[in-house]
Amino acid sequence: MEEKKKLNGYYNYTVVLTYLGMLIGFIGIIYTMEERYDQALVALMIAGICDMFDGAVAATKQRDEREKKFGIQIDSLSDLICFGVLPALIAYSITGKTYFGFLTGCLYVLCALIRLAYFNVLEEERQKVEIGSRSYYQGLPVTSVALLLPAVYEIGNKMPNTGGILLQIVMVILAVAFVLPFRVKKPYLIGKIGIVFTGIIEFVILLLGLGLEV
């Protein structure tokens, strides 16, 4: 019998971080449109932190099959906004909105979309035969851009003549890495601590180097 609900979707604590990350990603898009790139990059990094821990939060609740499938879909849709559209728009805007930047952005978003959709297919198949979370990813996770883009941006600031080219090259490399079928080990506690520590360093550099105007 179909469950009668007041609203479509799910609104318990297991999806709060995913929803929050998506909203922060959207705020980052607005900052990018206003050419406030430092704030946009900070938003990208915060969205990355939300994505890093939303799965762990969701795993604390006993969810039914529909809730699990909803979690997979909503996580990937959020990732497409935060780590697909937002980084592509940042890179396109920072590098002067060139024709090459436009093509690079299109390639990046397309590869991110394919990577996320394919992950959903693999994850639903895996959950039918396995219990618990996966131990590896196939292809570079799109969330990696939350660490890489701010770092490349800071390096590019020290290379005014070639920084834009470097950024576009990195975006192309990331796009290709999203769809290549190689395995990437999923980070656990130590790996996550290292990622967070690196993110904190980048965050401080952004604040000190550019200033954060609110």
Foldseek 3Di string as FASTA:
>chain_A
DDDDDPDPDDDDPLCVLLVVLLVLLVVLVVCLVVVVLLSSLVSLLSSLVSLLCSVVSNVVDDDDPVNVLSVLVSNLVSCLSSLQQNLLSSLCSVLPVDPLSVVLSVLLSVLSNVLSVVVSVVVVVCVVPDDDDDFKGFFDHSSVCSLVVLVLQVVLVVVVVCSSVSNSVVSNVNSVRSPHGDIGTDDDDVRVVVVVVSSVVSSVCSCVVPNDDD
